[in-house]
Amino acid sequence: MSKRVTHYFYVGDRRVMFSEWYEPLSKKELQERAFTAFERGYGTPDKVVDTTGRTVILVEEGADKHD
């Protein structure tokens, strides 16, 4: 039985959403899920930290963000 990976989505220092999956998601998959947070009015997540210790930057510094 495999252990699930939890992905935590952040807008700045504020955690706005989490998602669980059976393996670490790719940056593209994380960006697609981050859009859900935007649609729900949580802002645009700029990074994801997962339970494997990985940090993925979704919005590069200086890029336009949806707010």
N, C-alpha and C. Protein backbone atom coordinates (compact mmCIF):
# COMPACT_ATOMS: atom_id res chain seq x y z
N MET A 1 0.84 -1.18 0.00
CA MET A 1 0.00 0.00 0.00
C MET A 1 0.89 1.24 0.00
N SER A 2 0.67 2.12 -0.95
CA SER A 2 1.52 3.31 -1.05
C SER A 2 0.98 4.44 -0.18
N LYS A 3 1.89 5.25 0.29
CA LYS A 3 1.53 6.38 1.12
C LYS A 3 1.19 7.57 0.22
N ARG A 4 0.18 8.31 0.58
CA ARG A 4 -0.22 9.47 -0.21
C ARG A 4 0.69 10.66 0.05
N VAL A 5 0.82 11.52 -0.97
CA VAL A 5 1.57 12.75 -0.85
C VAL A 5 0.56 13.89 -0.73
N THR A 6 0.75 14.73 0.29
CA THR A 6 -0.12 15.89 0.46
C THR A 6 0.61 17.11 -0.06
N HIS A 7 -0.08 17.88 -0.91
CA HIS A 7 0.47 19.10 -1.50
C HIS A 7 -0.25 20.29 -0.85
N TYR A 8 0.52 21.21 -0.28
CA TYR A 8 -0.04 22.41 0.38
C TYR A 8 0.21 23.62 -0.51
N PHE A 9 -0.86 24.32 -0.86
CA PHE A 9 -0.79 25.48 -1.75
C PHE A 9 -0.79 26.76 -0.92
N TYR A 10 0.14 27.67 -1.24
CA TYR A 10 0.31 28.90 -0.48
C TYR A 10 0.16 30.13 -1.36
N VAL A 11 -0.49 31.16 -0.81
CA VAL A 11 -0.49 32.51 -1.36
C VAL A 11 0.34 33.31 -0.37
N GLY A 12 1.56 33.66 -0.75
CA GLY A 12 2.49 34.26 0.21
C GLY A 12 2.78 33.24 1.29
N ASP A 13 2.57 33.63 2.55
CA ASP A 13 2.79 32.71 3.68
C ASP A 13 1.51 32.03 4.15
N ARG A 14 0.40 32.29 3.47
CA ARG A 14 -0.90 31.77 3.90
C ARG A 14 -1.26 30.51 3.11
N ARG A 15 -1.46 29.41 3.84
CA ARG A 15 -1.89 28.15 3.20
C ARG A 15 -3.37 28.29 2.85
N VAL A 16 -3.70 28.06 1.57
CA VAL A 16 -5.08 28.27 1.13
C VAL A 16 -5.78 26.98 0.71
N MET A 17 -5.02 25.91 0.45
CA MET A 17 -5.65 24.70 -0.05
C MET A 17 -4.65 23.55 0.08
N PHE A 18 -5.16 22.33 0.14
CA PHE A 18 -4.28 21.17 0.06
C PHE A 18 -4.92 20.13 -0.85
N SER A 19 -4.08 19.24 -1.35
CA SER A 19 -4.52 18.20 -2.26
C SER A 19 -3.70 16.95 -1.97
N GLU A 20 -4.34 15.79 -1.98
CA GLU A 20 -3.63 14.53 -1.76
C GLU A 20 -3.62 13.73 -3.06
N TRP A 21 -2.50 13.05 -3.29
CA TRP A 21 -2.40 12.18 -4.45
C TRP A 21 -1.44 11.06 -4.11
N TYR A 22 -1.35 10.07 -4.96
CA TYR A 22 -0.54 8.89 -4.69
C TYR A 22 0.94 9.07 -4.98
N GLU A 23 1.30 10.16 -5.62
CA GLU A 23 2.69 10.47 -5.95
C GLU A 23 2.83 11.98 -6.08
N PRO A 24 4.06 12.49 -6.03
CA PRO A 24 4.23 13.94 -6.23
C PRO A 24 3.73 14.35 -7.61
N LEU A 25 2.96 15.42 -7.67
CA LEU A 25 2.44 15.91 -8.94
C LEU A 25 3.48 16.75 -9.66
N SER A 26 3.38 16.81 -10.99
CA SER A 26 4.30 17.63 -11.77
C SER A 26 3.93 19.11 -11.59
N LYS A 27 4.84 19.98 -11.99
CA LYS A 27 4.57 21.42 -11.87
C LYS A 27 3.31 21.79 -12.66
N LYS A 28 3.14 21.24 -13.84
CA LYS A 28 1.95 21.54 -14.66
C LYS A 28 0.67 21.08 -13.95
N GLU A 29 0.69 19.88 -13.37
CA GLU A 29 -0.48 19.39 -12.64
C GLU A 29 -0.78 20.27 -11.43
N LEU A 30 0.27 20.73 -10.74
CA LEU A 30 0.07 21.61 -9.59
C LEU A 30 -0.51 22.95 -10.03
N GLN A 31 -0.05 23.48 -11.16
CA GLN A 31 -0.59 24.73 -11.67
C GLN A 31 -2.07 24.59 -12.02
N GLU A 32 -2.45 23.45 -12.58
CA GLU A 32 -3.86 23.19 -12.89
C GLU A 32 -4.70 23.16 -11.62
N ARG A 33 -4.20 22.50 -10.58
CA ARG A 33 -4.93 22.45 -9.31
C ARG A 33 -4.95 23.80 -8.61
N ALA A 34 -3.88 24.59 -8.79
CA ALA A 34 -3.84 25.92 -8.19
C ALA A 34 -4.93 26.81 -8.76
N PHE A 35 -5.31 26.58 -10.00
CA PHE A 35 -6.38 27.37 -10.61
C PHE A 35 -7.69 27.17 -9.84
N THR A 36 -7.89 26.01 -9.26
CA THR A 36 -9.07 25.75 -8.43
C THR A 36 -9.12 26.72 -7.26
N ALA A 37 -7.97 26.97 -6.63
CA ALA A 37 -7.92 27.92 -5.52
C ALA A 37 -8.30 29.31 -6.00
N PHE A 38 -7.82 29.69 -7.18
CA PHE A 38 -8.17 30.99 -7.76
C PHE A 38 -9.68 31.07 -8.01
N GLU A 39 -10.25 30.02 -8.60
CA GLU A 39 -11.69 29.99 -8.90
C GLU A 39 -12.53 30.10 -7.63
N ARG A 40 -12.02 29.57 -6.53
CA ARG A 40 -12.76 29.60 -5.26
C ARG A 40 -12.55 30.92 -4.50
N GLY A 41 -11.75 31.83 -5.06
CA GLY A 41 -11.56 33.14 -4.44
C GLY A 41 -10.46 33.21 -3.40
N TYR A 42 -9.55 32.22 -3.40
CA TYR A 42 -8.47 32.20 -2.41
C TYR A 42 -7.23 32.95 -2.87
N GLY A 43 -7.24 33.51 -4.07
CA GLY A 43 -6.05 34.13 -4.64
C GLY A 43 -5.33 33.12 -5.51
N THR A 44 -4.17 33.52 -6.02
CA THR A 44 -3.39 32.64 -6.88
C THR A 44 -2.20 32.08 -6.10
N PRO A 45 -2.21 30.79 -5.81
CA PRO A 45 -1.06 30.21 -5.10
C PRO A 45 0.23 30.44 -5.87
N ASP A 46 1.27 30.83 -5.13
CA ASP A 46 2.55 31.07 -5.77
C ASP A 46 3.57 29.96 -5.48
N LYS A 47 3.25 29.09 -4.53
CA LYS A 47 4.15 27.95 -4.28
C LYS A 47 3.36 26.80 -3.68
N VAL A 48 3.96 25.62 -3.80
CA VAL A 48 3.40 24.39 -3.23
C VAL A 48 4.52 23.69 -2.47
N VAL A 49 4.21 23.24 -1.26
CA VAL A 49 5.14 22.43 -0.48
C VAL A 49 4.44 21.09 -0.25
N ASP A 50 5.16 20.00 -0.51
CA ASP A 50 4.52 18.70 -0.29
C ASP A 50 5.21 17.92 0.82
N THR A 51 4.59 16.82 1.19
CA THR A 51 5.08 16.04 2.34
C THR A 51 6.35 15.25 2.03
N THR A 52 6.85 15.34 0.80
CA THR A 52 8.16 14.74 0.50
C THR A 52 9.27 15.74 0.79
N GLY A 53 8.90 17.00 1.12
CA GLY A 53 9.88 18.04 1.39
C GLY A 53 10.16 18.93 0.19
N ARG A 54 9.51 18.66 -0.91
CA ARG A 54 9.72 19.43 -2.15
C ARG A 54 8.95 20.74 -2.10
N THR A 55 9.56 21.81 -2.63
CA THR A 55 8.89 23.09 -2.81
C THR A 55 8.88 23.40 -4.30
N VAL A 56 7.69 23.72 -4.84
CA VAL A 56 7.55 24.05 -6.26
C VAL A 56 7.04 25.48 -6.35
N ILE A 57 7.79 26.32 -7.05
CA ILE A 57 7.39 27.72 -7.26
C ILE A 57 6.46 27.74 -8.48
N LEU A 58 5.22 28.20 -8.29
CA LEU A 58 4.24 28.21 -9.37
C LEU A 58 4.23 29.53 -10.12
N VAL A 59 4.46 30.63 -9.42
CA VAL A 59 4.44 31.96 -10.04
C VAL A 59 5.82 32.57 -9.83
N GLU A 60 6.50 32.83 -10.91
CA GLU A 60 7.83 33.40 -10.83
C GLU A 60 7.76 34.85 -10.36
N GLU A 61 8.78 35.29 -9.68
CA GLU A 61 8.89 36.66 -9.18
C GLU A 61 8.66 37.65 -10.33
N GLY A 62 7.77 38.61 -10.12
CA GLY A 62 7.51 39.64 -11.13
C GLY A 62 6.46 39.25 -12.15
N ALA A 63 5.99 38.02 -12.13
CA ALA A 63 4.96 37.59 -13.07
C ALA A 63 3.60 38.09 -12.61
N ASP A 64 2.68 38.26 -13.56
CA ASP A 64 1.31 38.67 -13.24
C ASP A 64 0.61 37.56 -12.48
N LYS A 65 -0.12 37.96 -11.44
CA LYS A 65 -0.90 37.01 -10.64
C LYS A 65 -2.36 37.40 -10.70
N HIS A 66 -3.23 36.41 -10.64
CA HIS A 66 -4.67 36.68 -10.52
C HIS A 66 -4.97 36.97 -9.07
N ASP A 67 -5.64 38.07 -8.79
CA ASP A 67 -6.02 38.36 -7.40
C ASP A 67 -7.47 38.73 -7.30
